[in-house]
Structures are given as C-alpha cells and as structure tokens.
PDB file of N, CA and C in Angstrom:
ATOM      1  N   MET A   1      11.255  23.645  -1.054  1.00  0.00           N
ATOM      2  CA  MET A   1      10.052  23.881  -0.264  1.00  0.00           C
ATOM      3  C   MET A   1       9.970  25.352   0.121  1.00  0.00           C
ATOM      4  N   THR A   2       8.775  25.760   0.449  1.00  0.00           N
ATOM      5  CA  THR A   2       8.500  27.147   0.777  1.00  0.00           C
ATOM      6  C   THR A   2       8.171  27.285   2.257  1.00  0.00           C
ATOM      7  N   VAL A   3       8.609  28.385   2.850  1.00  0.00           N
ATOM      8  CA  VAL A   3       8.240  28.669   4.237  1.00  0.00           C
ATOM      9  C   VAL A   3       6.827  29.247   4.240  1.00  0.00           C
ATOM     10  N   ILE A   4       5.960  28.608   5.011  1.00  0.00           N
ATOM     11  CA  ILE A   4       4.554  28.993   5.086  1.00  0.00           C
ATOM     12  C   ILE A   4       4.254  29.548   6.467  1.00  0.00           C
ATOM     13  N   LYS A   5       3.593  30.702   6.515  1.00  0.00           N
ATOM     14  CA  LYS A   5       3.096  31.241   7.785  1.00  0.00           C
ATOM     15  C   LYS A   5       1.690  30.703   7.985  1.00  0.00           C
ATOM     16  N   VAL A   6       1.443  30.186   9.175  1.00  0.00           N
ATOM     17  CA  VAL A   6       0.172  29.530   9.459  1.00  0.00           C
ATOM     18  C   VAL A   6      -0.465  30.150  10.697  1.00  0.00           C
ATOM     19  N   ARG A   7      -1.728  30.521  10.584  1.00  0.00           N
ATOM     20  CA  ARG A   7      -2.477  31.007  11.743  1.00  0.00           C
ATOM     21  C   ARG A   7      -3.161  29.812  12.400  1.00  0.00           C
ATOM     22  N   LEU A   8      -3.073  29.754  13.726  1.00  0.00           N
ATOM     23  CA  LEU A   8      -3.667  28.662  14.502  1.00  0.00           C
ATOM     24  C   LEU A   8      -4.780  29.206  15.385  1.00  0.00           C
ATOM     25  N   PHE A   9      -5.789  28.383  15.618  1.00  0.00           N
ATOM     26  CA  PHE A   9      -6.930  28.809  16.411  1.00  0.00           C
ATOM     27  C   PHE A   9      -7.247  27.792  17.498  1.00  0.00           C
ATOM     28  N   ALA A  10      -7.837  28.278  18.567  1.00  0.00           N
ATOM     29  CA  ALA A  10      -8.366  27.473  19.674  1.00  0.00           C
ATOM     30  C   ALA A  10      -7.361  26.441  20.184  1.00  0.00           C
ATOM     31  N   ALA A  11      -7.722  25.161  20.190  1.00  0.00           N
ATOM     32  CA  ALA A  11      -6.877  24.108  20.761  1.00  0.00           C
ATOM     33  C   ALA A  11      -5.519  24.028  20.072  1.00  0.00           C
ATOM     34  N   LEU A  12      -5.475  24.243  18.770  1.00  0.00           N
ATOM     35  CA  LEU A  12      -4.194  24.187  18.057  1.00  0.00           C
ATOM     36  C   LEU A  12      -3.273  25.314  18.509  1.00  0.00           C
ATOM     37  N   ARG A  13      -3.833  26.479  18.701  1.00  0.00           N
ATOM     38  CA  ARG A  13      -3.058  27.622  19.197  1.00  0.00           C
ATOM     39  C   ARG A  13      -2.486  27.309  20.571  1.00  0.00           C
ATOM     40  N   GLU A  14      -3.292  26.725  21.429  1.00  0.00           N
ATOM     41  CA  GLU A  14      -2.824  26.401  22.781  1.00  0.00           C
ATOM     42  C   GLU A  14      -1.758  25.308  22.763  1.00  0.00           C
ATOM     43  N   LEU A  15      -1.910  24.304  21.927  1.00  0.00           N
ATOM     44  CA  LEU A  15      -0.915  23.236  21.838  1.00  0.00           C
ATOM     45  C   LEU A  15       0.425  23.744  21.315  1.00  0.00           C
ATOM     46  N   ALA A  16       0.384  24.697  20.384  1.00  0.00           N
ATOM     47  CA  ALA A  16       1.612  25.245  19.813  1.00  0.00           C
ATOM     48  C   ALA A  16       2.180  26.380  20.658  1.00  0.00           C
ATOM     49  N   GLY A  17       1.346  26.976  21.509  1.00  0.00           N
ATOM     50  CA  GLY A  17       1.806  28.091  22.329  1.00  0.00           C
ATOM     51  C   GLY A  17       1.924  29.392  21.568  1.00  0.00           C
ATOM     52  N   SER A  18       1.273  29.477  20.416  1.00  0.00           N
ATOM     53  CA  SER A  18       1.340  30.680  19.591  1.00  0.00           C
ATOM     54  C   SER A  18       0.162  30.708  18.635  1.00  0.00           C
ATOM     55  N   ASN A  19      -0.227  31.904  18.218  1.00  0.00           N
ATOM     56  CA  ASN A  19      -1.327  31.991  17.256  1.00  0.00           C
ATOM     57  C   ASN A  19      -0.834  32.017  15.811  1.00  0.00           C
ATOM     58  N   GLU A  20       0.497  32.091  15.626  1.00  0.00           N
ATOM     59  CA  GLU A  20       1.061  32.039  14.284  1.00  0.00           C
ATOM     60  C   GLU A  20       2.407  31.328  14.332  1.00  0.00           C
ATOM     61  N   VAL A  21       2.609  30.389  13.416  1.00  0.00           N
ATOM     62  CA  VAL A  21       3.862  29.629  13.328  1.00  0.00           C
ATOM     63  C   VAL A  21       4.297  29.577  11.869  1.00  0.00           C
ATOM     64  N   GLU A  22       5.517  29.113  11.639  1.00  0.00           N
ATOM     65  CA  GLU A  22       6.026  28.929  10.286  1.00  0.00           C
ATOM     66  C   GLU A  22       6.530  27.505  10.127  1.00  0.00           C
ATOM     67  N   ALA A  23       6.408  26.982   8.915  1.00  0.00           N
ATOM     68  CA  ALA A  23       6.936  25.656   8.602  1.00  0.00           C
ATOM     69  C   ALA A  23       7.225  25.600   7.112  1.00  0.00           C
ATOM     70  N   GLU A  24       8.165  24.735   6.739  1.00  0.00           N
ATOM     71  CA  GLU A  24       8.459  24.509   5.324  1.00  0.00           C
ATOM     72  C   GLU A  24       7.568  23.398   4.806  1.00  0.00           C
ATOM     73  N   ALA A  25       6.867  23.661   3.719  1.00  0.00           N
ATOM     74  CA  ALA A  25       5.977  22.660   3.138  1.00  0.00           C
ATOM     75  C   ALA A  25       5.598  23.054   1.725  1.00  0.00           C
ATOM     76  N   ALA A  26       5.343  22.049   0.904  1.00  0.00           N
ATOM     77  CA  ALA A  26       4.895  22.286  -0.461  1.00  0.00           C
ATOM     78  C   ALA A  26       3.407  22.003  -0.635  1.00  0.00           C
ATOM     79  N   SER A  27       2.801  21.330   0.371  1.00  0.00           N
ATOM     80  CA  SER A  27       1.374  21.007   0.306  1.00  0.00           C
ATOM     81  C   SER A  27       0.783  21.064   1.715  1.00  0.00           C
ATOM     82  N   VAL A  28      -0.523  21.043   1.777  1.00  0.00           N
ATOM     83  CA  VAL A  28      -1.212  21.042   3.070  1.00  0.00           C
ATOM     84  C   VAL A  28      -0.812  19.811   3.877  1.00  0.00           C
ATOM     85  N   SER A  29      -0.735  18.667   3.251  1.00  0.00           N
ATOM     86  CA  SER A  29      -0.355  17.439   3.947  1.00  0.00           C
ATOM     87  C   SER A  29       1.039  17.565   4.560  1.00  0.00           C
ATOM     88  N   GLU A  30       1.996  18.081   3.799  1.00  0.00           N
ATOM     89  CA  GLU A  30       3.353  18.283   4.316  1.00  0.00           C
ATOM     90  C   GLU A  30       3.363  19.286   5.465  1.00  0.00           C
ATOM     91  N   LEU A  31       2.530  20.284   5.377  1.00  0.00           N
ATOM     92  CA  LEU A  31       2.450  21.296   6.428  1.00  0.00           C
ATOM     93  C   LEU A  31       1.961  20.679   7.738  1.00  0.00           C
ATOM     94  N   VAL A  32       0.882  19.912   7.671  1.00  0.00           N
ATOM     95  CA  VAL A  32       0.352  19.270   8.875  1.00  0.00           C
ATOM     96  C   VAL A  32       1.370  18.278   9.441  1.00  0.00           C
ATOM     97  N   ASP A  33       2.053  17.544   8.559  1.00  0.00           N
ATOM     98  CA  ASP A  33       3.094  16.614   9.014  1.00  0.00           C
ATOM     99  C   ASP A  33       4.206  17.352   9.759  1.00  0.00           C
ATOM    100  N   ALA A  34       4.687  18.440   9.185  1.00  0.00           N
ATOM    101  CA  ALA A  34       5.790  19.200   9.792  1.00  0.00           C
ATOM    102  C   ALA A  34       5.392  19.766  11.152  1.00  0.00           C
ATOM    103  N   LEU A  35       4.196  20.336  11.236  1.00  0.00           N
ATOM    104  CA  LEU A  35       3.751  20.911  12.507  1.00  0.00           C
ATOM    105  C   LEU A  35       3.470  19.821  13.535  1.00  0.00           C
ATOM    106  N   SER A  36       3.000  18.676  13.091  1.00  0.00           N
ATOM    107  CA  SER A  36       2.729  17.564  14.005  1.00  0.00           C
ATOM    108  C   SER A  36       4.028  17.018  14.597  1.00  0.00           C
ATOM    109  N   ARG A  37       5.075  16.938  13.786  1.00  0.00           N
ATOM    110  CA  ARG A  37       6.382  16.513  14.317  1.00  0.00           C
ATOM    111  C   ARG A  37       6.871  17.500  15.377  1.00  0.00           C
ATOM    112  N   ARG A  38       6.623  18.775  15.156  1.00  0.00           N
ATOM    113  CA  ARG A  38       7.080  19.809  16.079  1.00  0.00           C
ATOM    114  C   ARG A  38       6.261  19.844  17.369  1.00  0.00           C
ATOM    115  N   TYR A  39       4.924  19.712  17.260  1.00  0.00           N
ATOM    116  CA  TYR A  39       4.055  19.926  18.417  1.00  0.00           C
ATOM    117  C   TYR A  39       3.428  18.665  18.993  1.00  0.00           C
ATOM    118  N   GLY A  40       3.645  17.525  18.380  1.00  0.00           N
ATOM    119  CA  GLY A  40       3.236  16.276  18.996  1.00  0.00           C
ATOM    120  C   GLY A  40       1.970  15.626  18.473  1.00  0.00           C
ATOM    121  N   GLU A  41       1.715  14.459  19.047  1.00  0.00           N
ATOM    122  CA  GLU A  41       0.615  13.597  18.618  1.00  0.00           C
ATOM    123  C   GLU A  41      -0.757  14.239  18.800  1.00  0.00           C
ATOM    124  N   ARG A  42      -0.957  14.911  19.922  1.00  0.00           N
ATOM    125  CA  ARG A  42      -2.259  15.551  20.158  1.00  0.00           C
ATOM    126  C   ARG A  42      -2.528  16.635  19.110  1.00  0.00           C
ATOM    127  N   PHE A  43      -1.506  17.423  18.789  1.00  0.00           N
ATOM    128  CA  PHE A  43      -1.640  18.448  17.750  1.00  0.00           C
ATOM    129  C   PHE A  43      -2.066  17.783  16.440  1.00  0.00           C
ATOM    130  N   GLU A  44      -1.406  16.686  16.099  1.00  0.00           N
ATOM    131  CA  GLU A  44      -1.719  15.986  14.857  1.00  0.00           C
ATOM    132  C   GLU A  44      -3.175  15.515  14.824  1.00  0.00           C
ATOM    133  N   LYS A  45      -3.634  14.917  15.916  1.00  0.00           N
ATOM    134  CA  LYS A  45      -5.021  14.424  15.960  1.00  0.00           C
ATOM    135  C   LYS A  45      -6.017  15.556  15.762  1.00  0.00           C
ATOM    136  N   VAL A  46      -5.789  16.674  16.438  1.00  0.00           N
ATOM    137  CA  VAL A  46      -6.709  17.813  16.327  1.00  0.00           C
ATOM    138  C   VAL A  46      -6.633  18.412  14.922  1.00  0.00           C
ATOM    139  N   ALA A  47      -5.424  18.590  14.394  1.00  0.00           N
ATOM    140  CA  ALA A  47      -5.256  19.192  13.065  1.00  0.00           C
ATOM    141  C   ALA A  47      -5.891  18.333  11.977  1.00  0.00           C
ATOM    142  N   ARG A  48      -5.710  17.027  12.056  1.00  0.00           N
ATOM    143  CA  ARG A  48      -6.266  16.139  11.018  1.00  0.00           C
ATOM    144  C   ARG A  48      -7.792  16.042  11.098  1.00  0.00           C
ATOM    145  N   ALA A  49      -8.356  16.265  12.277  1.00  0.00           N
ATOM    146  CA  ALA A  49      -9.815  16.239  12.427  1.00  0.00           C
ATOM    147  C   ALA A  49     -10.452  17.563  12.030  1.00  0.00           C
ATOM    148  N   GLY A  50      -9.641  18.605  11.986  1.00  0.00           N
ATOM    149  CA  GLY A  50     -10.148  19.941  11.668  1.00  0.00           C
ATOM    150  C   GLY A  50     -10.094  20.221  10.178  1.00  0.00           C
ATOM    151  N   SER A  51      -9.930  21.495   9.848  1.00  0.00           N
ATOM    152  CA  SER A  51      -9.867  21.882   8.443  1.00  0.00           C
ATOM    153  C   SER A  51      -8.760  22.905   8.224  1.00  0.00           C
ATOM    154  N   VAL A  52      -8.378  23.010   6.972  1.00  0.00           N
ATOM    155  CA  VAL A  52      -7.350  23.962   6.569  1.00  0.00           C
ATOM    156  C   VAL A  52      -7.989  24.924   5.575  1.00  0.00           C
ATOM    157  N   VAL A  53      -7.715  26.198   5.761  1.00  0.00           N
ATOM    158  CA  VAL A  53      -8.231  27.222   4.864  1.00  0.00           C
ATOM    159  C   VAL A  53      -7.026  27.948   4.245  1.00  0.00           C
ATOM    160  N   VAL A  54      -7.015  28.015   2.920  1.00  0.00           N
ATOM    161  CA  VAL A  54      -5.943  28.704   2.200  1.00  0.00           C
ATOM    162  C   VAL A  54      -6.583  29.825   1.387  1.00  0.00           C
ATOM    163  N   ASP A  55      -6.192  31.045   1.685  1.00  0.00           N
ATOM    164  CA  ASP A  55      -6.736  32.227   1.007  1.00  0.00           C
ATOM    165  C   ASP A  55      -8.268  32.238   1.006  1.00  0.00           C
ATOM    166  N   GLY A  56      -8.845  31.881   2.151  1.00  0.00           N
ATOM    167  CA  GLY A  56     -10.284  31.949   2.320  1.00  0.00           C
ATOM    168  C   GLY A  56     -11.067  30.763   1.776  1.00  0.00           C
ATOM    169  N   GLU A  57     -10.385  29.787   1.197  1.00  0.00           N
ATOM    170  CA  GLU A  57     -11.045  28.612   0.633  1.00  0.00           C
ATOM    171  C   GLU A  57     -10.598  27.360   1.368  1.00  0.00           C
ATOM    172  N   ARG A  58     -11.543  26.468   1.637  1.00  0.00           N
ATOM    173  CA  ARG A  58     -11.183  25.204   2.287  1.00  0.00           C
ATOM    174  C   ARG A  58     -10.225  24.429   1.384  1.00  0.00           C
ATOM    175  N   ALA A  59      -9.190  23.836   1.989  1.00  0.00           N
ATOM    176  CA  ALA A  59      -8.153  23.157   1.224  1.00  0.00           C
ATOM    177  C   ALA A  59      -8.044  21.699   1.638  1.00  0.00           C
ATOM    178  N   GLY A  60      -7.696  20.844   0.700  1.00  0.00           N
ATOM    179  CA  GLY A  60      -7.485  19.432   0.964  1.00  0.00           C
ATOM    180  C   GLY A  60      -6.010  19.128   1.163  1.00  0.00           C
ATOM    181  N   PRO A  61      -5.687  17.889   1.531  1.00  0.00           N
ATOM    182  CA  PRO A  61      -4.296  17.512   1.818  1.00  0.00           C
ATOM    183  C   PRO A  61      -3.339  17.749   0.656  1.00  0.00           C
ATOM    184  N   GLU A  62      -3.807  17.624  -0.562  1.00  0.00           N
ATOM    185  CA  GLU A  62      -2.921  17.769  -1.724  1.00  0.00           C
ATOM    186  C   GLU A  62      -2.841  19.189  -2.262  1.00  0.00           C
ATOM    187  N   THR A  63      -3.523  20.139  -1.618  1.00  0.00           N
ATOM    188  CA  THR A  63      -3.468  21.527  -2.061  1.00  0.00           C
ATOM    189  C   THR A  63      -2.029  22.029  -1.993  1.00  0.00           C
ATOM    190  N   THR A  64      -1.558  22.612  -3.087  1.00  0.00           N
ATOM    191  CA  THR A  64      -0.203  23.134  -3.174  1.00  0.00           C
ATOM    192  C   THR A  64      -0.115  24.466  -2.444  1.00  0.00           C
ATOM    193  N   LEU A  65       0.986  24.642  -1.713  1.00  0.00           N
ATOM    194  CA  LEU A  65       1.229  25.893  -0.992  1.00  0.00           C
ATOM    195  C   LEU A  65       2.393  26.621  -1.651  1.00  0.00           C
ATOM    196  N   THR A  66       2.209  27.921  -1.871  1.00  0.00           N
ATOM    197  CA  THR A  66       3.239  28.707  -2.538  1.00  0.00           C
ATOM    198  C   THR A  66       3.911  29.707  -1.614  1.00  0.00           C
ATOM    199  N   GLY A  67       3.376  29.897  -0.416  1.00  0.00           N
ATOM    200  CA  GLY A  67       3.970  30.857   0.523  1.00  0.00           C
ATOM    201  C   GLY A  67       3.687  32.273   0.090  1.00  0.00           C
ATOM    202  N   GLY A  68       4.625  33.157   0.374  1.00  0.00           N
ATOM    203  CA  GLY A  68       4.450  34.550  -0.004  1.00  0.00           C
ATOM    204  C   GLY A  68       3.262  35.167   0.701  1.00  0.00           C
ATOM    205  N   SER A  69       2.343  35.707  -0.084  1.00  0.00           N
ATOM    206  CA  SER A  69       1.189  36.398   0.483  1.00  0.00           C
ATOM    207  C   SER A  69       0.026  35.467   0.791  1.00  0.00           C
ATOM    208  N   GLN A  70       0.227  34.183   0.595  1.00  0.00           N
ATOM    209  CA  GLN A  70      -0.836  33.201   0.845  1.00  0.00           C
ATOM    210  C   GLN A  70      -1.192  33.170   2.337  1.00  0.00           C
ATOM    211  N   GLU A  71      -2.483  33.189   2.632  1.00  0.00           N
ATOM    212  CA  GLU A  71      -2.939  33.112   4.022  1.00  0.00           C
ATOM    213  C   GLU A  71      -3.420  31.689   4.305  1.00  0.00           C
ATOM    214  N   VAL A  72      -2.763  31.032   5.278  1.00  0.00           N
ATOM    215  CA  VAL A  72      -3.094  29.657   5.632  1.00  0.00           C
ATOM    216  C   VAL A  72      -3.535  29.624   7.091  1.00  0.00           C
ATOM    217  N   ALA A  73      -4.650  28.953   7.356  1.00  0.00           N
ATOM    218  CA  ALA A  73      -5.155  28.831   8.723  1.00  0.00           C
ATOM    219  C   ALA A  73      -5.523  27.372   8.997  1.00  0.00           C
ATOM    220  N   LEU A  74      -5.153  26.910  10.196  1.00  0.00           N
ATOM    221  CA  LEU A  74      -5.544  25.583  10.661  1.00  0.00           C
ATOM    222  C   LEU A  74      -6.631  25.765  11.706  1.00  0.00           C
ATOM    223  N   LEU A  75      -7.762  25.121  11.483  1.00  0.00           N
ATOM    224  CA  LEU A  75      -8.909  25.249  12.385  1.00  0.00           C
ATOM    225  C   LEU A  75      -9.238  23.898  12.977  1.00  0.00           C
ATOM    226  N   PRO A  76      -9.363  23.825  14.292  1.00  0.00           N
ATOM    227  CA  PRO A  76      -9.751  22.556  14.914  1.00  0.00           C
ATOM    228  C   PRO A  76     -11.199  22.244  14.582  1.00  0.00           C
ATOM    229  N   PRO A  77     -11.633  21.000  14.809  1.00  0.00           N
ATOM    230  CA  PRO A  77     -13.035  20.679  14.556  1.00  0.00           C
ATOM    231  C   PRO A  77     -13.940  21.512  15.454  1.00  0.00           C
ATOM    232  N   VAL A  78     -15.090  21.851  14.933  1.00  0.00           N
ATOM    233  CA  VAL A  78     -16.034  22.684  15.670  1.00  0.00           C
ATOM    234  C   VAL A  78     -17.306  21.895  15.902  1.00  0.00           C
ATOM    235  N   SER A  79     -17.804  21.963  17.116  1.00  0.00           N
ATOM    236  CA  SER A  79     -19.093  21.343  17.389  1.00  0.00           C
ATOM    237  C   SER A  79     -20.026  22.421  17.920  1.00  0.00           C
ATOM    238  N   GLY A  80     -21.262  22.214  17.737  1.00  0.00           N
ATOM    239  CA  GLY A  80     -22.211  23.226  18.187  1.00  0.00           C
ATOM    240  C   GLY A  80     -23.600  22.639  18.310  1.00  0.00           C
ATOM    241  N   GLY A  81     -24.483  23.478  18.672  1.00  0.00           N
ATOM    242  CA  GLY A  81     -25.835  22.970  18.826  1.00  0.00           C
ATOM    243  C   GLY A  81     -26.853  23.979  18.474  1.00  0.00           C
TER     244      GLY A  81
END
C-alpha cells in the first residue's frame, strides 16, 4: 500500500483536527475506511456523503491511488441555495 496525503475541508477538517492527514491506501474506498477507523463514525458518515477529488477530478470508491505527487482531497457534502 501507498502512503497518501489527504487534504480535508470544513467538517472533515474539524473532526480530524487538521487540514492535512496521511493514510495508507490503494484505493479511495480503502482511504475512507482507514481515516474513518482513525477519526470515528461521524467522520465516516460525512466522508461517505461527500466527494473525493484526485488530481482535480472527482473520484469513485474504486479509484486507484498511487501516492507520490497525487493530490487527494476529501470534501464534505455541500448544500446551498
């Protein structure tokens, strides 16, 4: 597995206590699982309802992560009017 640096925003950032974290994962699904184990059930609910962006493109659960220079961001769900 690869160590992935992840940028967190809004509620996810507050739940983790940091705007950037690292986790070992080979896919987006594994990444969310690893961070959810670390930061708890509420983090998991928010992360799964939100979206993941890898190198500027929206990513699905099976998207492969390679680490290195890859930019990964977890975004909570957004509502607006």
